[in-house]
Amino acid sequence: MRVDLFDFHLPPECIALRPARPRDAARMLLVPGEGAFADCTVRDLPGVLRAGDVLVFNDTRVIPAQLEGRRGQARIGATLHKRIDLRRWQAFVRNAKRLREGDVIEFPAGVSALAEARHDDGSWTLAFAGEEPVEVLLDRAGRMPLPPYIAGKRETDEADRTDYQTIFAREDGAVAAPTAALHFTPALLAALDAGGIGRETLTLHVGAGTFLPVKAEDTEGHRMHAEWGRIDAATAERLNAARRAGRRVIAVGTTSLRLLESAADQHGTIREFAGDTAIFITPGYRFRAIDGLMTNFHLPRSTLFMLVSALMGLERMQAAYAHAIAAHYRFYSYGDASLLLP
């Protein structure tokens, strides 16, 4: 499909630079398969869902994966986006033209890394010196990797270390938050429990590739960056049992959805999964593992807007986004939510 079909005008003032406080006070647009949209808040979720529905969350934890350093007199910026092994990460590098294989980049707090190899997509393998876990080094020298549409408008600060982390965060490895889950609070989870709404977790380490623009003119020319994920056998079986019983499985966030769809076979059975996924979902895709999606509002021409258009239909999502813009919903990572129920 032509990428320009997924374009729309978003006024800059719609971009949220800070989250709602408290988190579950964010607005939520209910988008059914047909009929009128409904303006709700995230706190309304227990009343909107049905008893027996199962929400699926991503328990990845965002690491402070952005580093600013020097190679000699040259300033070098690095955003780690995929772990290779204990000491080596693949990274997007700013000012990469000043970098050669074998160069050492000096970061703050005594952290350094060897520029080991350049990849075809322009990213680099960085091999970190020393014996301490790289996550420990990042806690010393890194900062939270806010999306460019926020970081370009304000400085990252200490509040982002908690604001850009979900309450489910447990498994270190993401360089972007699964932002739909940022809206959840202990009080909201208690209300969901009281309403008989189940929840499961999986792990998908979100990479910085999620922020990369689609430069191709046609969706067939775009290549997704791989991300590592895991669903254990017990979780897969509970989700399959829920669907067999006629209960809806609703992914919280596009990351949860993409991993569930990667793990599902052609019959819709979710299998145990551990490995990379580069699934790219566009209109025409047949969903196999989910019955709905809670997600934030996405960028024009992005792979995520393509995904929600695949779920609900392009015209339906264009109408929903036009409604959201007219009603002053807040967009992107720190913005409001939508609940899509095809």
C-alpha atoms as a PDB file:
ATOM      1  CA  MET A   1       0.000   0.000   0.000  1.00  0.00           C
ATOM      2  CA  ARG A   2       1.072   3.593  -0.545  1.00  0.00           C
ATOM      3  CA  VAL A   3       2.525   5.067   2.636  1.00  0.00           C
ATOM      4  CA  ASP A   4       0.925   8.462   1.983  1.00  0.00           C
ATOM      5  CA  LEU A   5      -2.491   6.870   2.572  1.00  0.00           C
ATOM      6  CA  PHE A   6      -1.571   6.818   6.264  1.00  0.00           C
ATOM      7  CA  ASP A   7      -0.724  10.520   6.471  1.00  0.00           C
ATOM      8  CA  PHE A   8      -2.733  13.081   8.427  1.00  0.00           C
ATOM      9  CA  HIS A   9      -2.165  16.554   9.840  1.00  0.00           C
ATOM     10  CA  LEU A  10      -1.456  16.683  13.552  1.00  0.00           C
ATOM     11  CA  PRO A  11      -1.263  20.132  15.172  1.00  0.00           C
ATOM     12  CA  PRO A  12       1.949  20.373  17.258  1.00  0.00           C
ATOM     13  CA  GLU A  13      -0.036  21.357  20.354  1.00  0.00           C
ATOM     14  CA  CYS A  14      -1.597  17.867  20.394  1.00  0.00           C
ATOM     15  CA  ILE A  15       1.741  16.279  21.353  1.00  0.00           C
ATOM     16  CA  ALA A  16       1.885  15.541  25.097  1.00  0.00           C
ATOM     17  CA  LEU A  17       5.171  16.459  26.764  1.00  0.00           C
ATOM     18  CA  ARG A  18       4.209  15.120  30.208  1.00  0.00           C
ATOM     19  CA  PRO A  19       1.837  12.331  31.269  1.00  0.00           C
ATOM     20  CA  ALA A  20      -1.534  12.858  32.910  1.00  0.00           C
ATOM     21  CA  ARG A  21      -1.446  12.868  36.704  1.00  0.00           C
ATOM     22  CA  PRO A  22      -2.592  10.569  38.118  1.00  0.00           C
ATOM     23  CA  ARG A  23      -1.872   8.227  35.236  1.00  0.00           C
ATOM     24  CA  ASP A  24      -5.361   6.751  35.014  1.00  0.00           C
ATOM     25  CA  ALA A  25      -6.865  10.241  34.643  1.00  0.00           C
ATOM     26  CA  ALA A  26      -5.860  10.193  30.962  1.00  0.00           C
ATOM     27  CA  ARG A  27      -8.679  10.291  28.429  1.00  0.00           C
ATOM     28  CA  MET A  28      -9.627   7.209  26.422  1.00  0.00           C
ATOM     29  CA  LEU A  29     -11.449   7.142  23.088  1.00  0.00           C
ATOM     30  CA  LEU A  30     -13.604   4.056  22.667  1.00  0.00           C
ATOM     31  CA  VAL A  31     -13.600   2.985  19.014  1.00  0.00           C
ATOM     32  CA  PRO A  32     -16.035   0.135  18.290  1.00  0.00           C
ATOM     33  CA  GLY A  33     -16.124  -1.583  14.934  1.00  0.00           C
ATOM     34  CA  GLU A  34     -19.119   0.515  13.916  1.00  0.00           C
ATOM     35  CA  GLY A  35     -21.302   3.212  15.412  1.00  0.00           C
ATOM     36  CA  ALA A  36     -20.411   6.267  17.439  1.00  0.00           C
ATOM     37  CA  PHE A  37     -17.123   6.856  19.219  1.00  0.00           C
ATOM     38  CA  ALA A  38     -17.296   7.390  22.995  1.00  0.00           C
ATOM     39  CA  ASP A  39     -15.186   9.838  24.978  1.00  0.00           C
ATOM     40  CA  CYS A  40     -14.122   8.132  28.203  1.00  0.00           C
ATOM     41  CA  THR A  41     -11.240   8.143  30.655  1.00  0.00           C
ATOM     42  CA  VAL A  42      -8.875   5.291  31.405  1.00  0.00           C
ATOM     43  CA  ARG A  43     -10.577   4.940  34.797  1.00  0.00           C
ATOM     44  CA  ASP A  44     -13.738   3.910  32.926  1.00  0.00           C
ATOM     45  CA  LEU A  45     -12.001   0.786  31.600  1.00  0.00           C
ATOM     46  CA  PRO A  46     -13.483  -1.666  34.170  1.00  0.00           C
ATOM     47  CA  GLY A  47     -16.996  -0.592  33.141  1.00  0.00           C
ATOM     48  CA  VAL A  48     -16.269  -0.681  29.407  1.00  0.00           C
ATOM     49  CA  LEU A  49     -14.786  -4.188  29.418  1.00  0.00           C
ATOM     50  CA  ARG A  50     -16.674  -7.409  30.134  1.00  0.00           C
ATOM     51  CA  ALA A  51     -16.117  -9.779  33.022  1.00  0.00           C
ATOM     52  CA  GLY A  52     -13.870 -12.524  31.686  1.00  0.00           C
ATOM     53  CA  ASP A  53     -11.913 -10.300  29.309  1.00  0.00           C
ATOM     54  CA  VAL A  54      -8.147 -10.748  29.578  1.00  0.00           C
ATOM     55  CA  LEU A  55      -5.723  -7.825  29.248  1.00  0.00           C
ATOM     56  CA  VAL A  56      -2.201  -8.691  28.108  1.00  0.00           C
ATOM     57  CA  PHE A  57       0.629  -6.422  29.308  1.00  0.00           C
ATOM     58  CA  ASN A  58       4.287  -6.129  28.359  1.00  0.00           C
ATOM     59  CA  ASP A  59       6.566  -6.356  31.414  1.00  0.00           C
ATOM     60  CA  THR A  60       9.694  -5.003  29.710  1.00  0.00           C
ATOM     61  CA  ARG A  61      11.623  -2.363  31.645  1.00  0.00           C
ATOM     62  CA  VAL A  62      13.087   0.695  29.928  1.00  0.00           C
ATOM     63  CA  ILE A  63      16.821   1.097  30.498  1.00  0.00           C
ATOM     64  CA  PRO A  64      18.631   4.477  30.347  1.00  0.00           C
ATOM     65  CA  ALA A  65      19.897   3.611  26.886  1.00  0.00           C
ATOM     66  CA  GLN A  66      20.895   7.042  25.569  1.00  0.00           C
ATOM     67  CA  LEU A  67      24.565   7.958  25.911  1.00  0.00           C
ATOM     68  CA  GLU A  68      26.502  11.108  25.039  1.00  0.00           C
ATOM     69  CA  GLY A  69      30.252  10.722  24.605  1.00  0.00           C
ATOM     70  CA  ARG A  70      33.327  11.619  22.602  1.00  0.00           C
ATOM     71  CA  ARG A  71      35.682  10.013  20.136  1.00  0.00           C
ATOM     72  CA  GLY A  72      38.635  12.346  20.448  1.00  0.00           C
ATOM     73  CA  GLN A  73      37.178  15.815  19.876  1.00  0.00           C
ATOM     74  CA  ALA A  74      34.065  14.537  18.097  1.00  0.00           C
ATOM     75  CA  ARG A  75      30.783  14.387  19.978  1.00  0.00           C
ATOM     76  CA  ILE A  76      29.085  11.006  19.554  1.00  0.00           C
ATOM     77  CA  GLY A  77      25.540  10.139  20.618  1.00  0.00           C
ATOM     78  CA  ALA A  78      24.394   6.528  20.928  1.00  0.00           C
ATOM     79  CA  THR A  79      20.987   4.987  21.507  1.00  0.00           C
ATOM     80  CA  LEU A  80      21.221   1.284  22.292  1.00  0.00           C
ATOM     81  CA  HIS A  81      18.346  -0.629  20.738  1.00  0.00           C
ATOM     82  CA  LYS A  82      19.092  -4.360  20.756  1.00  0.00           C
ATOM     83  CA  ARG A  83      21.232  -6.541  22.984  1.00  0.00           C
ATOM     84  CA  ILE A  84      23.603  -8.869  21.132  1.00  0.00           C
ATOM     85  CA  ASP A  85      25.223 -10.510  24.152  1.00  0.00           C
ATOM     86  CA  LEU A  86      26.383  -9.617  27.671  1.00  0.00           C
ATOM     87  CA  ARG A  87      28.745  -6.844  26.591  1.00  0.00           C
ATOM     88  CA  ARG A  88      27.666  -5.932  23.063  1.00  0.00           C
ATOM     89  CA  TRP A  89      24.668  -3.896  21.935  1.00  0.00           C
ATOM     90  CA  GLN A  90      23.469  -2.687  18.561  1.00  0.00           C
ATOM     91  CA  ALA A  91      23.063   1.096  18.616  1.00  0.00           C
ATOM     92  CA  PHE A  92      21.939   3.981  16.470  1.00  0.00           C
ATOM     93  CA  VAL A  93      24.750   6.519  16.445  1.00  0.00           C
ATOM     94  CA  ARG A  94      24.555  10.270  15.977  1.00  0.00           C
ATOM     95  CA  ASN A  95      27.503  11.878  14.169  1.00  0.00           C
ATOM     96  CA  ALA A  96      28.417   8.411  12.900  1.00  0.00           C
ATOM     97  CA  LYS A  97      30.451   9.887  10.042  1.00  0.00           C
ATOM     98  CA  ARG A  98      33.140  10.688  12.626  1.00  0.00           C
ATOM     99  CA  LEU A  99      33.331   7.049  13.713  1.00  0.00           C
ATOM    100  CA  ARG A 100      35.479   4.239  12.324  1.00  0.00           C
ATOM    101  CA  GLU A 101      35.650   0.561  13.228  1.00  0.00           C
ATOM    102  CA  GLY A 102      38.066   0.143  16.122  1.00  0.00           C
ATOM    103  CA  ASP A 103      37.442   3.613  17.591  1.00  0.00           C
ATOM    104  CA  VAL A 104      36.781   3.894  21.334  1.00  0.00           C
ATOM    105  CA  ILE A 105      33.956   6.158  22.501  1.00  0.00           C
ATOM    106  CA  GLU A 106      34.403   7.656  25.974  1.00  0.00           C
ATOM    107  CA  PHE A 107      31.149   8.206  27.858  1.00  0.00           C
ATOM    108  CA  PRO A 108      30.680   9.825  31.308  1.00  0.00           C
ATOM    109  CA  ALA A 109      31.370   8.064  34.630  1.00  0.00           C
ATOM    110  CA  GLY A 110      34.282   6.049  33.239  1.00  0.00           C
ATOM    111  CA  VAL A 111      32.154   4.129  30.728  1.00  0.00           C
ATOM    112  CA  SER A 112      33.670   3.353  27.318  1.00  0.00           C
ATOM    113  CA  ALA A 113      32.785   1.234  24.308  1.00  0.00           C
ATOM    114  CA  LEU A 114      34.553  -0.021  21.203  1.00  0.00           C
ATOM    115  CA  ALA A 115      32.918   0.755  17.854  1.00  0.00           C
ATOM    116  CA  GLU A 116      33.190  -2.826  16.674  1.00  0.00           C
ATOM    117  CA  ALA A 117      31.245  -2.997  13.410  1.00  0.00           C
ATOM    118  CA  ARG A 118      28.924  -0.928  11.240  1.00  0.00           C
ATOM    119  CA  HIS A 119      25.724  -2.540   9.964  1.00  0.00           C
ATOM    120  CA  ASP A 120      24.046  -2.094   6.599  1.00  0.00           C
ATOM    121  CA  ASP A 121      21.275   0.027   8.146  1.00  0.00           C
ATOM    122  CA  GLY A 122      23.835   2.492   9.548  1.00  0.00           C
ATOM    123  CA  SER A 123      23.680   1.243  13.143  1.00  0.00           C
ATOM    124  CA  TRP A 124      26.771   0.037  15.020  1.00  0.00           C
ATOM    125  CA  THR A 125      27.777  -2.794  17.315  1.00  0.00           C
ATOM    126  CA  LEU A 126      29.223  -1.270  20.480  1.00  0.00           C
ATOM    127  CA  ALA A 127      31.309  -3.510  22.767  1.00  0.00           C
ATOM    128  CA  PHE A 128      31.451  -2.117  26.308  1.00  0.00           C
ATOM    129  CA  ALA A 129      34.694  -2.309  28.303  1.00  0.00           C
ATOM    130  CA  GLY A 130      34.966  -3.834  31.774  1.00  0.00           C
ATOM    131  CA  GLU A 131      33.212  -6.605  33.628  1.00  0.00           C
ATOM    132  CA  GLU A 132      30.207  -4.849  35.161  1.00  0.00           C
ATOM    133  CA  PRO A 133      26.844  -5.597  33.518  1.00  0.00           C
ATOM    134  CA  VAL A 134      26.067  -3.079  30.805  1.00  0.00           C
ATOM    135  CA  GLU A 135      22.814  -2.178  32.625  1.00  0.00           C
ATOM    136  CA  VAL A 136      24.902  -1.055  35.626  1.00  0.00           C
ATOM    137  CA  LEU A 137      27.033   1.097  33.341  1.00  0.00           C
ATOM    138  CA  LEU A 138      23.919   2.634  31.815  1.00  0.00           C
ATOM    139  CA  ASP A 139      22.512   3.494  35.237  1.00  0.00           C
ATOM    140  CA  ARG A 140      25.708   5.501  35.787  1.00  0.00           C
ATOM    141  CA  ALA A 141      26.148   7.115  32.402  1.00  0.00           C
ATOM    142  CA  GLY A 142      22.874   6.907  30.467  1.00  0.00           C
ATOM    143  CA  ARG A 143      19.615   8.761  30.370  1.00  0.00           C
ATOM    144  CA  MET A 144      16.069   7.680  29.584  1.00  0.00           C
ATOM    145  CA  PRO A 145      15.531   7.450  25.810  1.00  0.00           C
ATOM    146  CA  LEU A 146      12.534   9.720  25.376  1.00  0.00           C
ATOM    147  CA  PRO A 147      11.029   9.720  21.886  1.00  0.00           C
ATOM    148  CA  PRO A 148      12.434  12.435  19.589  1.00  0.00           C
ATOM    149  CA  TYR A 149       9.091  14.259  19.419  1.00  0.00           C
ATOM    150  CA  ILE A 150       9.385  14.865  23.203  1.00  0.00           C
ATOM    151  CA  ALA A 151      13.163  15.114  23.585  1.00  0.00           C
ATOM    152  CA  GLY A 152      13.268  17.685  20.787  1.00  0.00           C
ATOM    153  CA  LYS A 153      11.014  20.006  22.797  1.00  0.00           C
ATOM    154  CA  ARG A 154      12.369  19.681  26.336  1.00  0.00           C
ATOM    155  CA  GLU A 155      15.236  18.191  28.325  1.00  0.00           C
ATOM    156  CA  THR A 156      14.964  14.710  29.804  1.00  0.00           C
ATOM    157  CA  ASP A 157      14.813  15.019  33.597  1.00  0.00           C
ATOM    158  CA  GLU A 158      14.632  12.912  36.748  1.00  0.00           C
ATOM    159  CA  ALA A 159      10.825  12.661  36.580  1.00  0.00           C
ATOM    160  CA  ASP A 160      11.130  10.724  33.321  1.00  0.00           C
ATOM    161  CA  ARG A 161      12.886   7.864  35.118  1.00  0.00           C
ATOM    162  CA  THR A 162       9.541   6.988  36.707  1.00  0.00           C
ATOM    163  CA  ASP A 163       7.094   8.596  34.268  1.00  0.00           C
ATOM    164  CA  TYR A 164       8.485   6.586  31.335  1.00  0.00           C
ATOM    165  CA  GLN A 165       8.211   3.256  33.152  1.00  0.00           C
ATOM    166  CA  THR A 166       5.076   1.132  33.553  1.00  0.00           C
ATOM    167  CA  ILE A 167       4.056  -0.440  36.852  1.00  0.00           C
ATOM    168  CA  PHE A 168       4.561  -3.834  35.180  1.00  0.00           C
ATOM    169  CA  ALA A 169       8.231  -3.131  34.331  1.00  0.00           C
ATOM    170  CA  ARG A 170      10.339  -6.091  35.440  1.00  0.00           C
ATOM    171  CA  GLU A 171      12.572  -7.361  32.632  1.00  0.00           C
ATOM    172  CA  ASP A 172      15.441  -4.997  31.682  1.00  0.00           C
ATOM    173  CA  GLY A 173      15.967  -4.430  27.992  1.00  0.00           C
ATOM    174  CA  ALA A 174      13.610  -1.919  26.361  1.00  0.00           C
ATOM    175  CA  VAL A 175      14.721   1.402  24.945  1.00  0.00           C
ATOM    176  CA  ALA A 176      11.140   2.621  24.521  1.00  0.00           C
ATOM    177  CA  ALA A 177       8.210   2.170  26.877  1.00  0.00           C
ATOM    178  CA  PRO A 178       5.141   0.077  26.030  1.00  0.00           C
ATOM    179  CA  THR A 179       3.228   3.299  26.428  1.00  0.00           C
ATOM    180  CA  ALA A 180      -0.383   2.087  26.602  1.00  0.00           C
ATOM    181  CA  ALA A 181       0.452   0.484  29.948  1.00  0.00           C
ATOM    182  CA  LEU A 182       1.746   3.790  31.344  1.00  0.00           C
ATOM    183  CA  HIS A 183      -1.888   4.613  32.182  1.00  0.00           C
ATOM    184  CA  PHE A 184      -2.300   1.829  34.743  1.00  0.00           C
ATOM    185  CA  THR A 185      -2.229   2.399  38.507  1.00  0.00           C
ATOM    186  CA  PRO A 186      -2.704   0.090  41.518  1.00  0.00           C
ATOM    187  CA  ALA A 187      -6.191   1.528  42.006  1.00  0.00           C
ATOM    188  CA  LEU A 188      -7.154   0.786  38.400  1.00  0.00           C
ATOM    189  CA  LEU A 189      -5.803  -2.768  38.627  1.00  0.00           C
ATOM    190  CA  ALA A 190      -7.845  -3.318  41.803  1.00  0.00           C
ATOM    191  CA  ALA A 191     -10.977  -2.121  40.004  1.00  0.00           C
ATOM    192  CA  LEU A 192     -10.254  -4.432  37.074  1.00  0.00           C
ATOM    193  CA  ASP A 193      -9.783  -7.357  39.457  1.00  0.00           C
ATOM    194  CA  ALA A 194     -13.095  -6.536  41.136  1.00  0.00           C
ATOM    195  CA  GLY A 195     -14.755  -6.510  37.726  1.00  0.00           C
ATOM    196  CA  GLY A 196     -13.549 -10.016  36.898  1.00  0.00           C
ATOM    197  CA  ILE A 197     -11.134  -8.856  34.226  1.00  0.00           C
ATOM    198  CA  GLY A 198      -8.014 -11.009  33.981  1.00  0.00           C
ATOM    199  CA  ARG A 199      -4.482 -10.050  33.078  1.00  0.00           C
ATOM    200  CA  GLU A 200      -1.404 -11.771  31.711  1.00  0.00           C
ATOM    201  CA  THR A 201       2.108 -10.564  30.943  1.00  0.00           C
ATOM    202  CA  LEU A 202       4.653 -11.243  28.252  1.00  0.00           C
ATOM    203  CA  THR A 203       7.999  -9.622  27.426  1.00  0.00           C
ATOM    204  CA  LEU A 204       8.930  -7.707  24.288  1.00  0.00           C
ATOM    205  CA  HIS A 205      12.018  -5.508  24.507  1.00  0.00           C
ATOM    206  CA  VAL A 206      10.952  -2.487  22.485  1.00  0.00           C
ATOM    207  CA  GLY A 207      13.740  -1.131  20.278  1.00  0.00           C
ATOM    208  CA  ALA A 208      14.509   2.401  19.103  1.00  0.00           C
ATOM    209  CA  GLY A 209      13.508   1.273  15.632  1.00  0.00           C
ATOM    210  CA  THR A 210       9.921   1.930  16.736  1.00  0.00           C
ATOM    211  CA  PHE A 211      10.644   5.664  16.296  1.00  0.00           C
ATOM    212  CA  LEU A 212      12.182   5.412  12.836  1.00  0.00           C
ATOM    213  CA  PRO A 213      10.123   7.027  10.075  1.00  0.00           C
ATOM    214  CA  VAL A 214       8.872   5.000   7.133  1.00  0.00           C
ATOM    215  CA  LYS A 215      10.947   6.370   4.252  1.00  0.00           C
ATOM    216  CA  ALA A 216       9.662   4.029   1.563  1.00  0.00           C
ATOM    217  CA  GLU A 217       6.826   5.168  -0.711  1.00  0.00           C
ATOM    218  CA  ASP A 218       5.144   1.770  -0.457  1.00  0.00           C
ATOM    219  CA  THR A 219       4.755  -0.423   2.624  1.00  0.00           C
ATOM    220  CA  GLU A 220       6.437  -3.308   0.776  1.00  0.00           C
ATOM    221  CA  GLY A 221       9.664  -1.291   0.741  1.00  0.00           C
ATOM    222  CA  HIS A 222       9.858  -0.874   4.526  1.00  0.00           C
ATOM    223  CA  ARG A 223      11.874  -3.240   6.704  1.00  0.00           C
ATOM    224  CA  MET A 224      11.099  -3.533  10.424  1.00  0.00           C
ATOM    225  CA  HIS A 225      13.879  -3.805  13.009  1.00  0.00           C
ATOM    226  CA  ALA A 226      13.800  -7.068  14.947  1.00  0.00           C
ATOM    227  CA  GLU A 227      12.916  -7.039  18.647  1.00  0.00           C
ATOM    228  CA  TRP A 228      13.334  -9.868  21.159  1.00  0.00           C
ATOM    229  CA  GLY A 229      10.304 -11.276  22.935  1.00  0.00           C
ATOM    230  CA  ARG A 230       9.112 -14.168  25.086  1.00  0.00           C
ATOM    231  CA  ILE A 231       5.813 -15.833  25.966  1.00  0.00           C
ATOM    232  CA  ASP A 232       6.082 -18.818  28.272  1.00  0.00           C
ATOM    233  CA  ALA A 233       4.093 -21.996  27.722  1.00  0.00           C
ATOM    234  CA  ALA A 234       1.845 -21.520  30.754  1.00  0.00           C
ATOM    235  CA  THR A 235       0.822 -18.011  29.706  1.00  0.00           C
ATOM    236  CA  ALA A 236       0.158 -19.168  26.152  1.00  0.00           C
ATOM    237  CA  GLU A 237      -2.077 -21.983  27.371  1.00  0.00           C
ATOM    238  CA  ARG A 238      -4.075 -19.693  29.699  1.00  0.00           C
ATOM    239  CA  LEU A 239      -4.692 -17.295  26.811  1.00  0.00           C
ATOM    240  CA  ASN A 240      -5.737 -20.151  24.518  1.00  0.00           C
ATOM    241  CA  ALA A 241      -8.102 -21.445  27.211  1.00  0.00           C
ATOM    242  CA  ALA A 242      -9.637 -17.991  27.582  1.00  0.00           C
ATOM    243  CA  ARG A 243     -10.332 -17.745  23.865  1.00  0.00           C
ATOM    244  CA  ARG A 244     -11.744 -21.282  23.750  1.00  0.00           C
ATOM    245  CA  ALA A 245     -14.153 -20.195  26.508  1.00  0.00           C
ATOM    246  CA  GLY A 246     -15.289 -17.230  24.417  1.00  0.00           C
ATOM    247  CA  ARG A 247     -13.445 -14.633  26.485  1.00  0.00           C
ATOM    248  CA  ARG A 248     -11.817 -11.710  24.695  1.00  0.00           C
ATOM    249  CA  VAL A 249      -8.032 -11.272  24.695  1.00  0.00           C
ATOM    250  CA  ILE A 250      -7.193  -7.577  24.519  1.00  0.00           C
ATOM    251  CA  ALA A 251      -3.595  -6.496  24.005  1.00  0.00           C
ATOM    252  CA  VAL A 252      -2.460  -3.490  26.008  1.00  0.00           C
ATOM    253  CA  GLY A 253      -0.134  -1.807  23.539  1.00  0.00           C
ATOM    254  CA  THR A 254       1.031  -2.595  20.040  1.00  0.00           C
ATOM    255  CA  THR A 255       4.089  -4.366  21.475  1.00  0.00           C
ATOM    256  CA  SER A 256       1.921  -6.961  23.242  1.00  0.00           C
ATOM    257  CA  LEU A 257      -0.173  -7.338  20.098  1.00  0.00           C
ATOM    258  CA  ARG A 258       2.817  -7.841  17.808  1.00  0.00           C
ATOM    259  CA  LEU A 259       4.293 -10.552  20.023  1.00  0.00           C
ATOM    260  CA  LEU A 260       0.966 -12.363  20.415  1.00  0.00           C
ATOM    261  CA  GLU A 261       0.490 -12.358  16.659  1.00  0.00           C
ATOM    262  CA  SER A 262       4.074 -13.545  16.151  1.00  0.00           C
ATOM    263  CA  ALA A 263       3.467 -16.455  18.511  1.00  0.00           C
ATOM    264  CA  ALA A 264       0.118 -17.534  17.030  1.00  0.00           C
ATOM    265  CA  ASP A 265      -0.116 -20.257  14.407  1.00  0.00           C
ATOM    266  CA  GLN A 266      -2.411 -20.163  11.371  1.00  0.00           C
ATOM    267  CA  HIS A 267      -5.270 -21.553  13.461  1.00  0.00           C
ATOM    268  CA  GLY A 268      -4.959 -18.816  16.099  1.00  0.00           C
ATOM    269  CA  THR A 269      -3.325 -20.983  18.754  1.00  0.00           C
ATOM    270  CA  ILE A 270      -0.729 -19.046  20.731  1.00  0.00           C
ATOM    271  CA  ARG A 271       2.502 -21.005  21.109  1.00  0.00           C
ATOM    272  CA  GLU A 272       5.382 -20.655  23.529  1.00  0.00           C
ATOM    273  CA  PHE A 273       7.781 -18.135  21.976  1.00  0.00           C
ATOM    274  CA  ALA A 274      11.309 -16.901  22.653  1.00  0.00           C
ATOM    275  CA  GLY A 275      13.231 -15.054  19.975  1.00  0.00           C
ATOM    276  CA  ASP A 276      13.191 -12.144  17.562  1.00  0.00           C
ATOM    277  CA  THR A 277      10.157 -10.797  15.774  1.00  0.00           C
ATOM    278  CA  ALA A 278      10.055  -8.277  12.944  1.00  0.00           C
ATOM    279  CA  ILE A 279       6.357  -8.650  12.176  1.00  0.00           C
ATOM    280  CA  PHE A 280       4.967  -5.753  10.109  1.00  0.00           C
ATOM    281  CA  ILE A 281       1.166  -5.510  10.243  1.00  0.00           C
ATOM    282  CA  THR A 282      -0.623  -3.533   7.533  1.00  0.00           C
ATOM    283  CA  PRO A 283      -4.207  -3.548   6.193  1.00  0.00           C
ATOM    284  CA  GLY A 284      -5.091  -6.936   4.782  1.00  0.00           C
ATOM    285  CA  TYR A 285      -3.467  -8.784   7.692  1.00  0.00           C
ATOM    286  CA  ARG A 286      -5.699 -11.418   9.330  1.00  0.00           C
ATOM    287  CA  PHE A 287      -5.470 -11.163  13.120  1.00  0.00           C
ATOM    288  CA  ARG A 288      -5.215 -14.527  14.845  1.00  0.00           C
ATOM    289  CA  ALA A 289      -4.535 -13.998  18.560  1.00  0.00           C
ATOM    290  CA  ILE A 290      -6.332 -10.875  19.782  1.00  0.00           C
ATOM    291  CA  ASP A 291      -9.855  -9.473  19.979  1.00  0.00           C
ATOM    292  CA  GLY A 292      -9.028  -5.860  20.764  1.00  0.00           C
ATOM    293  CA  LEU A 293      -6.295  -3.365  21.488  1.00  0.00           C
ATOM    294  CA  MET A 294      -5.708  -0.553  23.962  1.00  0.00           C
ATOM    295  CA  THR A 295      -3.144   1.833  22.535  1.00  0.00           C
ATOM    296  CA  ASN A 296      -2.079   5.477  22.488  1.00  0.00           C
ATOM    297  CA  PHE A 297      -2.396   7.744  19.442  1.00  0.00           C
ATOM    298  CA  HIS A 298       0.367   7.289  16.870  1.00  0.00           C
ATOM    299  CA  LEU A 299       2.406   9.307  14.385  1.00  0.00           C
ATOM    300  CA  PRO A 300       1.261   9.975  10.822  1.00  0.00           C
ATOM    301  CA  ARG A 301       2.744   7.531   8.273  1.00  0.00           C
ATOM    302  CA  SER A 302       4.035   5.302  11.095  1.00  0.00           C
ATOM    303  CA  THR A 303       4.035   1.508  11.215  1.00  0.00           C
ATOM    304  CA  LEU A 304       1.842   1.737  14.333  1.00  0.00           C
ATOM    305  CA  PHE A 305      -0.858   3.777  12.595  1.00  0.00           C
ATOM    306  CA  MET A 306      -0.709   1.155   9.844  1.00  0.00           C
ATOM    307  CA  LEU A 307      -1.221  -1.541  12.487  1.00  0.00           C
ATOM    308  CA  VAL A 308      -4.321   0.061  14.023  1.00  0.00           C
ATOM    309  CA  SER A 309      -5.671   0.656  10.516  1.00  0.00           C
ATOM    310  CA  ALA A 310      -5.208  -3.047   9.808  1.00  0.00           C
ATOM    311  CA  LEU A 311      -7.234  -3.864  12.928  1.00  0.00           C
ATOM    312  CA  MET A 312     -10.092  -1.394  12.480  1.00  0.00           C
ATOM    313  CA  GLY A 313      -9.929  -0.327   8.825  1.00  0.00           C
ATOM    314  CA  LEU A 314      -8.150   2.716   7.442  1.00  0.00           C
ATOM    315  CA  GLU A 315     -11.264   4.874   7.034  1.00  0.00           C
ATOM    316  CA  ARG A 316     -12.423   4.038  10.556  1.00  0.00           C
ATOM    317  CA  MET A 317      -9.080   5.037  12.060  1.00  0.00           C
ATOM    318  CA  GLN A 318      -8.876   8.197   9.981  1.00  0.00           C
ATOM    319  CA  ALA A 319     -12.268   9.164  11.379  1.00  0.00           C
ATOM    320  CA  ALA A 320     -11.232   8.252  14.937  1.00  0.00           C
ATOM    321  CA  TYR A 321      -8.068  10.335  14.713  1.00  0.00           C
ATOM    322  CA  ALA A 322      -9.976  13.284  13.238  1.00  0.00           C
ATOM    323  CA  HIS A 323     -12.360  13.051  16.205  1.00  0.00           C
ATOM    324  CA  ALA A 324      -9.448  12.859  18.653  1.00  0.00           C
ATOM    325  CA  ILE A 325      -7.738  15.911  17.154  1.00  0.00           C
ATOM    326  CA  ALA A 326     -10.958  17.950  17.149  1.00  0.00           C
ATOM    327  CA  ALA A 327     -11.628  16.932  20.769  1.00  0.00           C
ATOM    328  CA  HIS A 328      -8.089  17.884  21.842  1.00  0.00           C
ATOM    329  CA  TYR A 329      -6.881  14.427  22.827  1.00  0.00           C
ATOM    330  CA  ARG A 330      -3.182  14.294  23.693  1.00  0.00           C
ATOM    331  CA  PHE A 331      -1.009  12.254  21.323  1.00  0.00           C
ATOM    332  CA  TYR A 332       1.993   9.929  21.475  1.00  0.00           C
ATOM    333  CA  SER A 333       3.924   8.324  24.333  1.00  0.00           C
ATOM    334  CA  TYR A 334       2.742  10.556  27.185  1.00  0.00           C
ATOM    335  CA  GLY A 335      -0.663  11.126  25.614  1.00  0.00           C
ATOM    336  CA  ASP A 336      -4.164   9.701  25.936  1.00  0.00           C
ATOM    337  CA  ALA A 337      -5.406   6.231  25.052  1.00  0.00           C
ATOM    338  CA  SER A 338      -7.783   4.578  22.643  1.00  0.00           C
ATOM    339  CA  LEU A 339      -9.607   1.270  23.050  1.00  0.00           C
ATOM    340  CA  LEU A 340     -10.142  -0.452  19.719  1.00  0.00           C
ATOM    341  CA  LEU A 341     -12.784  -3.187  19.663  1.00  0.00           C
ATOM    342  CA  PRO A 342     -13.349  -4.489  16.116  1.00  0.00           C
END
